[in-house]
Amino acid sequence: MGRLYGQRSRLLLNHDAVFLAELLTLLSAESSPWNADKAYLSYNCLSLPGSEDCVPRALQLAAAANILLTEFKVADRIKDGGLVRWRLVQRFFSGGFRRATAMLRRLDFPVDELRRLQDRQDEREANPISPRRNPAAAWARLASPIAAATAKSGWLRVRPVDPAGDAVHQPESLTAAA
């Protein structure tokens, strides 16, 4: 993440991003970077790969997805309360947010559609229907944009790519689950 989005982006690293990186690495046709480059070894955590081209595609995707999700979370916090600290966080990471969005768009990831779904979710949270008469309908209305966004994020799971950007053949067990 540090090579792609700057050292400050490393503050955003979490277990979900690491899990996604591991999963995408396993699905990728690329060889694992863990043994090839000393920059990926745990005793060398401040070291960075030599260039962006040295970062495996699976790690690029996981990093970009993590940065995009952080952007959505920060925007949600601003909409919910608008505290000055969240606006400062947004400004602090804005360059990384822009670079991650651009990278995902180059890979035809549906960033704009996810943003529309987030806007729909915000509208529904701001104007909820009462759950008293029909609790299931109220919860379904609130959950549907998030469910659609989750389905869109499955793009990462069902479209692994090799270093050249071509689709990789998936084992039958993976395509059957998709």
C-alpha atoms as a PDB file:
ATOM      1  CA  MET A   1       0.000   0.000   0.000  1.00  0.00           C
ATOM      2  CA  GLY A   2       2.840   2.349   0.802  1.00  0.00           C
ATOM      3  CA  ARG A   3       4.283   2.164  -2.715  1.00  0.00           C
ATOM      4  CA  LEU A   4       0.895   2.700  -4.390  1.00  0.00           C
ATOM      5  CA  TYR A   5      -0.777   5.250  -2.096  1.00  0.00           C
ATOM      6  CA  GLY A   6       2.006   6.665   0.075  1.00  0.00           C
ATOM      7  CA  GLN A   7       3.247   5.742   3.525  1.00  0.00           C
ATOM      8  CA  ARG A   8       0.224   7.333   5.221  1.00  0.00           C
ATOM      9  CA  SER A   9      -2.073   4.783   3.548  1.00  0.00           C
ATOM     10  CA  ARG A  10      -0.460   2.107   5.682  1.00  0.00           C
ATOM     11  CA  LEU A  11      -2.475   3.520   8.593  1.00  0.00           C
ATOM     12  CA  LEU A  12      -5.556   2.104   6.839  1.00  0.00           C
ATOM     13  CA  LEU A  13      -4.301  -1.461   6.613  1.00  0.00           C
ATOM     14  CA  ASN A  14      -6.594  -3.929   8.360  1.00  0.00           C
ATOM     15  CA  HIS A  15      -7.231  -7.661   8.615  1.00  0.00           C
ATOM     16  CA  ASP A  16      -9.900  -7.564   5.892  1.00  0.00           C
ATOM     17  CA  ALA A  17      -7.466  -6.052   3.399  1.00  0.00           C
ATOM     18  CA  VAL A  18      -4.814  -8.642   4.256  1.00  0.00           C
ATOM     19  CA  PHE A  19      -7.339 -11.450   3.885  1.00  0.00           C
ATOM     20  CA  LEU A  20      -8.451 -10.089   0.500  1.00  0.00           C
ATOM     21  CA  ALA A  21      -4.810  -9.823  -0.607  1.00  0.00           C
ATOM     22  CA  GLU A  22      -4.164 -13.425   0.425  1.00  0.00           C
ATOM     23  CA  LEU A  23      -7.309 -14.642  -1.329  1.00  0.00           C
ATOM     24  CA  LEU A  24      -6.606 -12.760  -4.548  1.00  0.00           C
ATOM     25  CA  THR A  25      -3.002 -13.951  -4.506  1.00  0.00           C
ATOM     26  CA  LEU A  26      -4.198 -17.544  -4.327  1.00  0.00           C
ATOM     27  CA  LEU A  27      -6.633 -16.969  -7.210  1.00  0.00           C
ATOM     28  CA  SER A  28      -4.074 -15.162  -9.330  1.00  0.00           C
ATOM     29  CA  ALA A  29      -1.901 -16.715 -12.013  1.00  0.00           C
ATOM     30  CA  GLU A  30       1.056 -14.708 -10.671  1.00  0.00           C
ATOM     31  CA  SER A  31       3.596 -16.395  -8.482  1.00  0.00           C
ATOM     32  CA  SER A  32       3.432 -15.492  -4.817  1.00  0.00           C
ATOM     33  CA  PRO A  33       5.462 -12.388  -3.953  1.00  0.00           C
ATOM     34  CA  TRP A  34       6.171 -13.632  -0.431  1.00  0.00           C
ATOM     35  CA  ASN A  35       9.336 -15.508  -1.362  1.00  0.00           C
ATOM     36  CA  ALA A  36      10.488 -13.361  -4.265  1.00  0.00           C
ATOM     37  CA  ASP A  37      10.927  -9.893  -2.753  1.00  0.00           C
ATOM     38  CA  LYS A  38      12.373  -9.068   0.664  1.00  0.00           C
ATOM     39  CA  ALA A  39      10.086  -6.002   0.849  1.00  0.00           C
ATOM     40  CA  TYR A  40       7.180  -8.379   1.587  1.00  0.00           C
ATOM     41  CA  LEU A  41       8.809 -10.068   4.588  1.00  0.00           C
ATOM     42  CA  SER A  42       7.493  -9.143   8.042  1.00  0.00           C
ATOM     43  CA  TYR A  43      10.885  -8.220   9.509  1.00  0.00           C
ATOM     44  CA  ASN A  44      11.202  -5.577   6.818  1.00  0.00           C
ATOM     45  CA  CYS A  45       7.874  -3.759   7.225  1.00  0.00           C
ATOM     46  CA  LEU A  46       9.089  -0.251   6.354  1.00  0.00           C
ATOM     47  CA  SER A  47      10.696  -1.378   3.117  1.00  0.00           C
ATOM     48  CA  LEU A  48       8.787  -0.823  -0.117  1.00  0.00           C
ATOM     49  CA  PRO A  49       8.921  -2.698  -3.427  1.00  0.00           C
ATOM     50  CA  GLY A  50      11.205  -0.985  -5.945  1.00  0.00           C
ATOM     51  CA  SER A  51       8.375   0.372  -8.116  1.00  0.00           C
ATOM     52  CA  GLU A  52       4.632   0.106  -8.621  1.00  0.00           C
ATOM     53  CA  ASP A  53       5.293  -2.385 -11.410  1.00  0.00           C
ATOM     54  CA  CYS A  54       6.835  -4.731  -8.837  1.00  0.00           C
ATOM     55  CA  VAL A  55       3.602  -4.886  -6.810  1.00  0.00           C
ATOM     56  CA  PRO A  56       1.588  -7.970  -7.819  1.00  0.00           C
ATOM     57  CA  ARG A  57      -1.846  -7.278  -9.300  1.00  0.00           C
ATOM     58  CA  ALA A  58      -3.596  -9.111  -6.451  1.00  0.00           C
ATOM     59  CA  LEU A  59      -1.987  -6.787  -3.914  1.00  0.00           C
ATOM     60  CA  GLN A  60      -2.812  -3.749  -6.047  1.00  0.00           C
ATOM     61  CA  LEU A  61      -6.485  -4.765  -6.126  1.00  0.00           C
ATOM     62  CA  ALA A  62      -6.662  -5.465  -2.403  1.00  0.00           C
ATOM     63  CA  ALA A  63      -4.982  -2.161  -1.579  1.00  0.00           C
ATOM     64  CA  ALA A  64      -7.252  -0.180  -3.910  1.00  0.00           C
ATOM     65  CA  ALA A  65     -10.370  -1.887  -2.523  1.00  0.00           C
ATOM     66  CA  ASN A  66      -9.262  -1.118   1.035  1.00  0.00           C
ATOM     67  CA  ILE A  67      -8.639   2.543   0.200  1.00  0.00           C
ATOM     68  CA  LEU A  68     -12.018   2.839  -1.568  1.00  0.00           C
ATOM     69  CA  LEU A  69     -13.866   1.282   1.378  1.00  0.00           C
ATOM     70  CA  THR A  70     -12.087   3.684   3.723  1.00  0.00           C
ATOM     71  CA  GLU A  71     -13.192   6.587   1.552  1.00  0.00           C
ATOM     72  CA  PHE A  72     -16.795   5.392   1.829  1.00  0.00           C
ATOM     73  CA  LYS A  73     -16.498   5.018   5.599  1.00  0.00           C
ATOM     74  CA  VAL A  74     -15.029   8.499   6.043  1.00  0.00           C
ATOM     75  CA  ALA A  75     -17.738  10.027   3.812  1.00  0.00           C
ATOM     76  CA  ASP A  76     -20.400   8.222   5.851  1.00  0.00           C
ATOM     77  CA  ARG A  77     -18.949   9.565   9.100  1.00  0.00           C
ATOM     78  CA  ILE A  78     -18.997  13.081   7.667  1.00  0.00           C
ATOM     79  CA  LYS A  79     -22.634  12.707   6.573  1.00  0.00           C
ATOM     80  CA  ASP A  80     -23.641  11.248   9.928  1.00  0.00           C
ATOM     81  CA  GLY A  81     -21.999  13.895  12.074  1.00  0.00           C
ATOM     82  CA  GLY A  82     -19.748  16.068   9.973  1.00  0.00           C
ATOM     83  CA  LEU A  83     -17.170  16.406  12.706  1.00  0.00           C
ATOM     84  CA  VAL A  84     -14.121  18.411  11.775  1.00  0.00           C
ATOM     85  CA  ARG A  85     -11.800  15.473  12.469  1.00  0.00           C
ATOM     86  CA  TRP A  86     -13.444  13.337   9.740  1.00  0.00           C
ATOM     87  CA  ARG A  87     -13.106  16.178   7.260  1.00  0.00           C
ATOM     88  CA  LEU A  88      -9.418  16.368   8.153  1.00  0.00           C
ATOM     89  CA  VAL A  89      -9.085  12.602   7.671  1.00  0.00           C
ATOM     90  CA  GLN A  90     -10.764  12.957   4.282  1.00  0.00           C
ATOM     91  CA  ARG A  91      -8.341  15.687   3.268  1.00  0.00           C
ATOM     92  CA  PHE A  92      -5.339  13.764   4.651  1.00  0.00           C
ATOM     93  CA  PHE A  93      -6.114  10.707   2.502  1.00  0.00           C
ATOM     94  CA  SER A  94      -7.700  12.459  -0.512  1.00  0.00           C
ATOM     95  CA  GLY A  95      -4.763  11.775  -2.845  1.00  0.00           C
ATOM     96  CA  GLY A  96      -4.875   8.068  -2.056  1.00  0.00           C
ATOM     97  CA  PHE A  97      -8.647   8.035  -2.499  1.00  0.00           C
ATOM     98  CA  ARG A  98      -8.274   9.552  -5.985  1.00  0.00           C
ATOM     99  CA  ARG A  99      -5.483   7.161  -7.014  1.00  0.00           C
ATOM    100  CA  ALA A 100      -7.398   4.081  -5.803  1.00  0.00           C
ATOM    101  CA  THR A 101     -10.533   5.172  -7.650  1.00  0.00           C
ATOM    102  CA  ALA A 102      -8.548   5.746 -10.853  1.00  0.00           C
ATOM    103  CA  MET A 103      -6.846   2.366 -10.562  1.00  0.00           C
ATOM    104  CA  LEU A 104     -10.134   0.516 -10.052  1.00  0.00           C
ATOM    105  CA  ARG A 105     -11.751   2.375 -12.968  1.00  0.00           C
ATOM    106  CA  ARG A 106      -8.876   1.313 -15.245  1.00  0.00           C
ATOM    107  CA  LEU A 107      -9.815  -2.274 -14.346  1.00  0.00           C
ATOM    108  CA  ASP A 108     -13.514  -1.659 -15.099  1.00  0.00           C
ATOM    109  CA  PHE A 109     -14.487  -2.006 -11.446  1.00  0.00           C
ATOM    110  CA  PRO A 110     -17.973  -0.465 -10.983  1.00  0.00           C
ATOM    111  CA  VAL A 111     -16.814   2.422  -8.743  1.00  0.00           C
ATOM    112  CA  ASP A 112     -19.487   4.833  -9.980  1.00  0.00           C
ATOM    113  CA  GLU A 113     -22.231   2.290  -9.405  1.00  0.00           C
ATOM    114  CA  LEU A 114     -20.972   1.687  -5.867  1.00  0.00           C
ATOM    115  CA  ARG A 115     -21.034   5.441  -5.254  1.00  0.00           C
ATOM    116  CA  ARG A 116     -24.654   5.585  -6.476  1.00  0.00           C
ATOM    117  CA  LEU A 117     -25.561   2.716  -4.157  1.00  0.00           C
ATOM    118  CA  GLN A 118     -23.871   4.534  -1.273  1.00  0.00           C
ATOM    119  CA  ASP A 119     -25.895   7.667  -2.075  1.00  0.00           C
ATOM    120  CA  ARG A 120     -29.075   5.566  -2.114  1.00  0.00           C
ATOM    121  CA  GLN A 121     -28.121   4.094   1.260  1.00  0.00           C
ATOM    122  CA  ASP A 122     -27.512   7.576   2.683  1.00  0.00           C
ATOM    123  CA  GLU A 123     -30.927   8.750   1.446  1.00  0.00           C
ATOM    124  CA  ARG A 124     -32.653   5.742   3.003  1.00  0.00           C
ATOM    125  CA  GLU A 125     -30.879   6.229   6.321  1.00  0.00           C
ATOM    126  CA  ALA A 126     -31.852   9.910   6.323  1.00  0.00           C
ATOM    127  CA  ASN A 127     -35.513   9.094   5.516  1.00  0.00           C
ATOM    128  CA  PRO A 128     -36.305   5.765   7.169  1.00  0.00           C
ATOM    129  CA  ILE A 129     -39.742   4.217   7.130  1.00  0.00           C
ATOM    130  CA  SER A 130     -41.222   3.227  10.445  1.00  0.00           C
ATOM    131  CA  PRO A 131     -40.591  -0.409  11.346  1.00  0.00           C
ATOM    132  CA  ARG A 132     -43.705  -0.525  13.528  1.00  0.00           C
ATOM    133  CA  ARG A 133     -46.175  -1.593  10.858  1.00  0.00           C
ATOM    134  CA  ASN A 134     -43.884  -3.771   8.792  1.00  0.00           C
ATOM    135  CA  PRO A 135     -40.437  -4.365  10.333  1.00  0.00           C
ATOM    136  CA  ALA A 136     -39.312  -6.717   7.545  1.00  0.00           C
ATOM    137  CA  ALA A 137     -40.053  -4.118   4.868  1.00  0.00           C
ATOM    138  CA  ALA A 138     -38.238  -1.397   6.830  1.00  0.00           C
ATOM    139  CA  TRP A 139     -35.121  -3.539   7.239  1.00  0.00           C
ATOM    140  CA  ALA A 140     -35.241  -4.731   3.621  1.00  0.00           C
ATOM    141  CA  ARG A 141     -35.420  -1.123   2.411  1.00  0.00           C
ATOM    142  CA  LEU A 142     -32.356  -0.212   4.472  1.00  0.00           C
ATOM    143  CA  ALA A 143     -30.436  -3.348   3.530  1.00  0.00           C
ATOM    144  CA  SER A 144     -31.036  -3.465  -0.230  1.00  0.00           C
ATOM    145  CA  PRO A 145     -28.385  -0.918  -1.319  1.00  0.00           C
ATOM    146  CA  ILE A 146     -25.783  -2.632   0.847  1.00  0.00           C
ATOM    147  CA  ALA A 147     -26.771  -6.040  -0.519  1.00  0.00           C
ATOM    148  CA  ALA A 148     -26.396  -4.705  -4.080  1.00  0.00           C
ATOM    149  CA  ALA A 149     -23.000  -3.204  -3.221  1.00  0.00           C
ATOM    150  CA  THR A 150     -21.881  -6.515  -1.743  1.00  0.00           C
ATOM    151  CA  ALA A 151     -22.904  -8.261  -4.965  1.00  0.00           C
ATOM    152  CA  LYS A 152     -20.900  -5.710  -6.992  1.00  0.00           C
ATOM    153  CA  SER A 153     -17.846  -6.260  -4.799  1.00  0.00           C
ATOM    154  CA  GLY A 154     -18.015  -9.922  -5.826  1.00  0.00           C
ATOM    155  CA  TRP A 155     -16.362  -8.650  -9.013  1.00  0.00           C
ATOM    156  CA  LEU A 156     -13.034  -9.062  -7.224  1.00  0.00           C
ATOM    157  CA  ARG A 157     -13.833 -12.673  -6.393  1.00  0.00           C
ATOM    158  CA  VAL A 158     -15.096 -13.787  -9.777  1.00  0.00           C
ATOM    159  CA  ARG A 159     -12.706 -11.883 -12.036  1.00  0.00           C
ATOM    160  CA  PRO A 160      -9.144 -12.509 -10.883  1.00  0.00           C
ATOM    161  CA  VAL A 161      -6.582 -11.235 -13.346  1.00  0.00           C
ATOM    162  CA  ASP A 162      -3.075 -12.190 -14.281  1.00  0.00           C
ATOM    163  CA  PRO A 163      -0.190  -9.684 -14.574  1.00  0.00           C
ATOM    164  CA  ALA A 164      -1.131  -8.887 -18.193  1.00  0.00           C
ATOM    165  CA  GLY A 165      -4.663  -7.949 -17.128  1.00  0.00           C
ATOM    166  CA  ASP A 166      -6.326 -10.967 -18.740  1.00  0.00           C
ATOM    167  CA  ALA A 167      -8.991 -13.035 -17.014  1.00  0.00           C
ATOM    168  CA  VAL A 168      -7.696 -16.132 -15.259  1.00  0.00           C
ATOM    169  CA  HIS A 169      -9.432 -19.497 -15.536  1.00  0.00           C
ATOM    170  CA  GLN A 170     -11.060 -20.421 -12.245  1.00  0.00           C
ATOM    171  CA  PRO A 171     -11.300 -23.877 -10.772  1.00  0.00           C
ATOM    172  CA  GLU A 172     -14.770 -25.424 -11.008  1.00  0.00           C
ATOM    173  CA  SER A 173     -15.276 -25.156  -7.246  1.00  0.00           C
ATOM    174  CA  LEU A 174     -14.929 -21.374  -7.446  1.00  0.00           C
ATOM    175  CA  THR A 175     -17.133 -20.808 -10.480  1.00  0.00           C
ATOM    176  CA  ALA A 176     -19.855 -23.025  -9.029  1.00  0.00           C
ATOM    177  CA  ALA A 177     -19.902 -20.902  -5.857  1.00  0.00           C
ATOM    178  CA  ALA A 178     -20.132 -17.667  -7.822  1.00  0.00           C
END
